[in-house]
Amino acid sequence: MSAVTDETGLRAALTAALRRLDRLGLNRGSTGNLSHRCSVDGRAGMLITPTGMGADDMQPGDWVWLGDDGSQVGAWEPSSEWAIHRAIYQDRPELQAVVHTHSVNATAVACLRRDLPPFHYMVAVAGGDSVRCAPYHLFGSQALSAAVVEAMQGRLACLLANHGLVAAAATLAQAVKVAQEIEALCEVYLKALAVGQPAILDADAMAEVLERFSRYGQTSRR
């Protein structure tokens, strides 16, 4: 899948998505970050949020372009987590957008350093039978980027221990949707844990869900 080349339209879409993440409560202030593959003058790279800038202040022209060759275009410095985004894109060519949030419930589960287990069939929205929790490393470090890539193998999302959530997908809208769904699932999981240990779906049950999801939304009436 090729990178998006309509830079003007992409900047506008990213700005709208960043503000939507705030409205949904997935981020607040300058927490979290967002990126999308973007080619400029034939050079592959990505557009990413600048560091320390809140969604309310973001304008389409504020997005920072980082080239795969290390070049940079923009008036601001890129997010301190740019290495996570680049590592995911390098490892997963099918993914076009990456969302990183500090959403309350996903972060709470991440602070428990737990994988999100298959307590609910919708865990499969992240592409597998769990959402793994990457071990803790300092934000912005190469060690954290490597841990995220490992935790994302075969997945569209992972938790970051004592940190937050990363979601990615083939489209910007899907990446936001995955982040939103995992946050909602983490809220339900925490509520279930407050009462007792939730029942866990077995491997066969989740395999059926994943097979069904692979065909979901692809059938049209004739």
Protein backbone atom coordinates (compact mmCIF):
# COMPACT_ATOMS: atom_id res chain seq x y z
CA MET A 1 0.00 0.00 0.00
CA SER A 2 1.52 3.32 -1.05
CA ALA A 3 1.84 6.31 1.26
CA VAL A 4 -0.69 9.12 1.01
CA THR A 5 0.58 11.90 -1.25
CA ASP A 6 -2.20 14.53 -0.83
CA GLU A 7 -0.32 16.42 1.85
CA THR A 8 -2.76 19.33 2.16
CA GLY A 9 -5.77 17.07 2.63
CA LEU A 10 -3.85 14.79 4.98
CA ARG A 11 -2.79 17.68 7.21
CA ALA A 12 -6.42 18.76 7.53
CA ALA A 13 -7.59 15.20 8.27
CA LEU A 14 -4.87 14.71 10.89
CA THR A 15 -5.79 17.97 12.62
CA ALA A 16 -9.45 16.93 12.74
CA ALA A 17 -8.50 13.47 14.07
CA LEU A 18 -6.27 14.95 16.78
CA ARG A 19 -9.08 17.18 17.97
CA ARG A 20 -11.50 14.26 17.90
CA LEU A 21 -9.20 12.25 20.15
CA ASP A 22 -9.44 15.09 22.67
CA ARG A 23 -13.24 15.24 22.38
CA LEU A 24 -13.42 11.49 22.94
CA GLY A 25 -11.31 11.86 26.06
CA LEU A 26 -8.53 9.67 24.71
CA ASN A 27 -6.04 12.53 25.03
CA ARG A 28 -5.96 15.88 26.79
CA GLY A 29 -3.66 18.85 26.55
CA SER A 30 -0.46 17.86 24.79
CA THR A 31 -0.53 14.19 25.81
CA GLY A 32 -0.32 11.53 23.13
CA ASN A 33 0.57 11.90 19.46
CA LEU A 34 -0.56 10.97 15.97
CA SER A 35 1.14 10.31 12.65
CA HIS A 36 0.49 9.21 9.08
CA ARG A 37 2.74 8.11 6.25
CA CYS A 38 3.27 10.92 3.76
CA SER A 39 5.50 11.23 0.71
CA VAL A 40 6.90 14.66 -0.22
CA ASP A 41 8.58 15.21 -3.59
CA GLY A 42 8.94 11.48 -3.98
CA ARG A 43 10.59 11.06 -0.57
CA ALA A 44 8.91 8.66 1.86
CA GLY A 45 8.22 9.84 5.38
CA MET A 46 5.50 10.74 7.83
CA LEU A 47 3.60 13.69 9.23
CA ILE A 48 3.61 13.72 13.03
CA THR A 49 2.41 15.98 15.82
CA PRO A 50 4.92 18.53 17.14
CA THR A 51 6.10 18.12 20.69
CA GLY A 52 4.27 19.91 23.49
CA MET A 53 1.41 21.32 21.39
CA GLY A 54 -2.21 20.70 22.37
CA ALA A 55 -4.94 19.77 19.92
CA ASP A 56 -6.75 23.10 20.35
CA ASP A 57 -3.65 24.96 19.20
CA MET A 58 -2.82 22.69 16.27
CA GLN A 59 -3.22 24.01 12.75
CA PRO A 60 -2.65 21.99 9.56
CA GLY A 61 0.64 23.77 8.94
CA ASP A 62 2.02 22.75 12.35
CA TRP A 63 2.49 19.07 11.51
CA VAL A 64 6.13 18.07 11.24
CA TRP A 65 7.30 16.01 8.28
CA LEU A 66 10.02 13.48 9.02
CA GLY A 67 11.62 11.70 6.10
CA ASP A 68 12.75 8.10 6.20
CA ASP A 69 16.18 9.50 5.30
CA GLY A 70 16.30 11.54 8.52
CA SER A 71 15.35 14.87 6.96
CA GLN A 72 12.80 17.14 8.66
CA VAL A 73 10.46 19.89 7.46
CA GLY A 74 8.48 22.11 9.81
CA ALA A 75 8.74 25.00 12.23
CA TRP A 76 8.46 22.78 15.31
CA GLU A 77 10.26 19.82 16.81
CA PRO A 78 8.51 16.45 16.33
CA SER A 79 6.83 14.53 19.12
CA SER A 80 9.25 12.98 21.59
CA GLU A 81 7.73 9.61 20.61
CA TRP A 82 8.55 9.91 16.90
CA ALA A 83 10.80 6.84 17.14
CA ILE A 84 7.82 4.60 18.03
CA HIS A 85 5.97 5.74 14.92
CA ARG A 86 8.97 5.27 12.64
CA ALA A 87 9.72 1.83 14.07
CA ILE A 88 6.15 0.67 13.46
CA TYR A 89 6.17 1.94 9.88
CA GLN A 90 9.51 0.28 9.17
CA ASP A 91 8.29 -3.04 10.54
CA ARG A 92 4.74 -2.98 9.19
CA PRO A 93 4.49 -1.62 5.62
CA GLU A 94 0.73 -2.24 5.54
CA LEU A 95 0.07 0.27 8.32
CA GLN A 96 -0.48 3.90 7.35
CA ALA A 97 -1.47 5.66 10.59
CA VAL A 98 -0.35 5.43 14.23
CA VAL A 99 -2.20 6.79 17.26
CA HIS A 100 -0.60 7.02 20.70
CA THR A 101 -2.82 7.98 23.63
CA HIS A 102 -2.67 8.37 27.39
CA SER A 103 -6.36 7.49 27.71
CA VAL A 104 -7.35 6.88 31.32
CA ASN A 105 -8.53 3.27 31.27
CA ALA A 106 -5.95 1.88 28.87
CA THR A 107 -3.25 3.61 30.90
CA ALA A 108 -4.67 2.16 34.12
CA VAL A 109 -4.43 -1.38 32.72
CA ALA A 110 -0.94 -0.58 31.41
CA CYS A 111 0.06 0.53 34.92
CA LEU A 112 -0.92 -2.94 36.12
CA ARG A 113 1.52 -4.25 33.50
CA ARG A 114 -1.09 -6.68 32.23
CA ASP A 115 -2.03 -7.83 28.77
CA LEU A 116 -5.68 -7.20 27.96
CA PRO A 117 -6.97 -10.80 27.81
CA PRO A 118 -9.88 -12.15 25.73
CA PHE A 119 -12.49 -11.41 28.38
CA HIS A 120 -14.69 -9.99 25.59
CA TYR A 121 -14.81 -11.00 21.95
CA MET A 122 -14.16 -7.40 20.79
CA VAL A 123 -10.56 -7.73 21.93
CA ALA A 124 -10.18 -9.21 18.44
CA VAL A 125 -10.56 -5.71 16.97
CA ALA A 126 -6.82 -5.36 17.62
CA GLY A 127 -6.11 -8.36 15.39
CA GLY A 128 -5.52 -11.16 17.89
CA ASP A 129 -6.72 -12.87 21.04
CA SER A 130 -5.15 -10.29 23.36
CA VAL A 131 -3.69 -6.82 23.49
CA ARG A 132 -0.14 -7.26 24.73
CA CYS A 133 1.53 -4.94 27.22
CA ALA A 134 5.03 -3.86 26.20
CA PRO A 135 7.50 -3.68 29.10
CA TYR A 136 8.36 -0.30 30.56
CA HIS A 137 11.12 1.80 29.01
CA LEU A 138 11.80 5.54 29.10
CA PHE A 139 9.60 7.53 26.73
CA GLY A 140 11.34 8.47 23.49
CA SER A 141 13.93 5.71 23.85
CA GLN A 142 14.92 3.19 21.21
CA ALA A 143 14.31 0.46 23.79
CA LEU A 144 10.66 1.50 24.02
CA SER A 145 10.32 1.57 20.23
CA ALA A 146 11.72 -1.97 19.98
CA ALA A 147 9.40 -3.18 22.73
CA VAL A 148 6.38 -1.69 20.97
CA VAL A 149 7.29 -3.32 17.66
CA GLU A 150 7.56 -6.69 19.40
CA ALA A 151 4.26 -6.28 21.26
CA MET A 152 2.53 -5.22 18.02
CA GLN A 153 3.48 -8.37 16.11
CA GLY A 154 0.26 -9.64 14.54
CA ARG A 155 -1.67 -6.85 16.27
CA LEU A 156 -3.07 -3.39 15.64
CA ALA A 157 -2.60 -2.21 19.22
CA CYS A 158 -0.54 -2.67 22.33
CA LEU A 159 -0.36 -1.23 25.83
CA LEU A 160 2.80 0.44 27.09
CA ALA A 161 3.58 -0.39 30.72
CA ASN A 162 3.14 2.62 33.02
CA HIS A 163 2.54 4.78 29.98
CA GLY A 164 -0.44 4.37 27.64
CA LEU A 165 -1.72 2.85 24.40
CA VAL A 166 -0.56 2.59 20.79
CA ALA A 167 -2.93 1.73 17.93
CA ALA A 168 -2.24 1.55 14.20
CA ALA A 169 -4.13 0.67 11.04
CA ALA A 170 -4.25 0.92 7.26
CA THR A 171 -6.32 4.12 7.51
CA LEU A 172 -6.43 7.06 9.90
CA ALA A 173 -10.09 6.47 10.70
CA GLN A 174 -9.44 2.82 11.53
CA ALA A 175 -6.49 3.65 13.78
CA VAL A 176 -8.66 6.08 15.76
CA LYS A 177 -11.41 3.46 15.91
CA VAL A 178 -9.06 0.81 17.28
CA ALA A 179 -7.75 3.20 19.94
CA GLN A 180 -11.31 4.12 20.94
CA GLU A 181 -12.41 0.48 21.14
CA ILE A 182 -9.43 -0.64 23.21
CA GLU A 183 -9.99 2.22 25.63
CA ALA A 184 -13.65 1.17 26.05
CA LEU A 185 -12.64 -2.47 26.54
CA CYS A 186 -10.10 -1.47 29.20
CA GLU A 187 -12.84 0.40 31.05
CA VAL A 188 -15.07 -2.69 31.05
CA TYR A 189 -12.14 -4.90 32.07
CA LEU A 190 -11.31 -2.70 35.06
CA LYS A 191 -14.96 -2.70 36.16
CA ALA A 192 -15.07 -6.48 35.90
CA LEU A 193 -11.86 -6.80 37.92
CA ALA A 194 -13.42 -4.66 40.66
CA VAL A 195 -16.02 -7.42 41.18
CA GLY A 196 -13.92 -10.51 40.48
CA GLN A 197 -11.98 -12.30 37.77
CA PRO A 198 -13.79 -12.08 34.42
CA ALA A 199 -14.34 -15.28 32.44
CA ILE A 200 -11.82 -15.65 29.61
CA LEU A 201 -12.76 -16.85 26.14
CA ASP A 202 -10.68 -19.82 25.02
CA ALA A 203 -8.50 -20.03 21.93
CA ASP A 204 -11.17 -21.77 19.84
CA ALA A 205 -13.77 -19.13 20.64
CA MET A 206 -11.39 -16.31 19.73
CA ALA A 207 -10.33 -18.08 16.53
CA GLU A 208 -13.99 -18.11 15.48
CA VAL A 209 -14.27 -14.39 16.23
CA LEU A 210 -11.12 -13.55 14.29
CA GLU A 211 -12.33 -15.58 11.32
CA ARG A 212 -15.68 -13.77 11.41
CA PHE A 213 -13.95 -10.39 11.70
CA SER A 214 -11.87 -11.18 8.62
CA ARG A 215 -15.10 -11.17 6.59
CA TYR A 216 -17.03 -8.53 8.55
CA GLY A 217 -18.39 -5.69 6.43
CA GLN A 218 -17.19 -7.20 3.14
CA THR A 219 -20.48 -8.67 1.98
CA SER A 220 -22.84 -6.48 -0.03
CA ARG A 221 -26.40 -7.18 -1.04
CA ARG A 222 -26.97 -7.72 -4.71
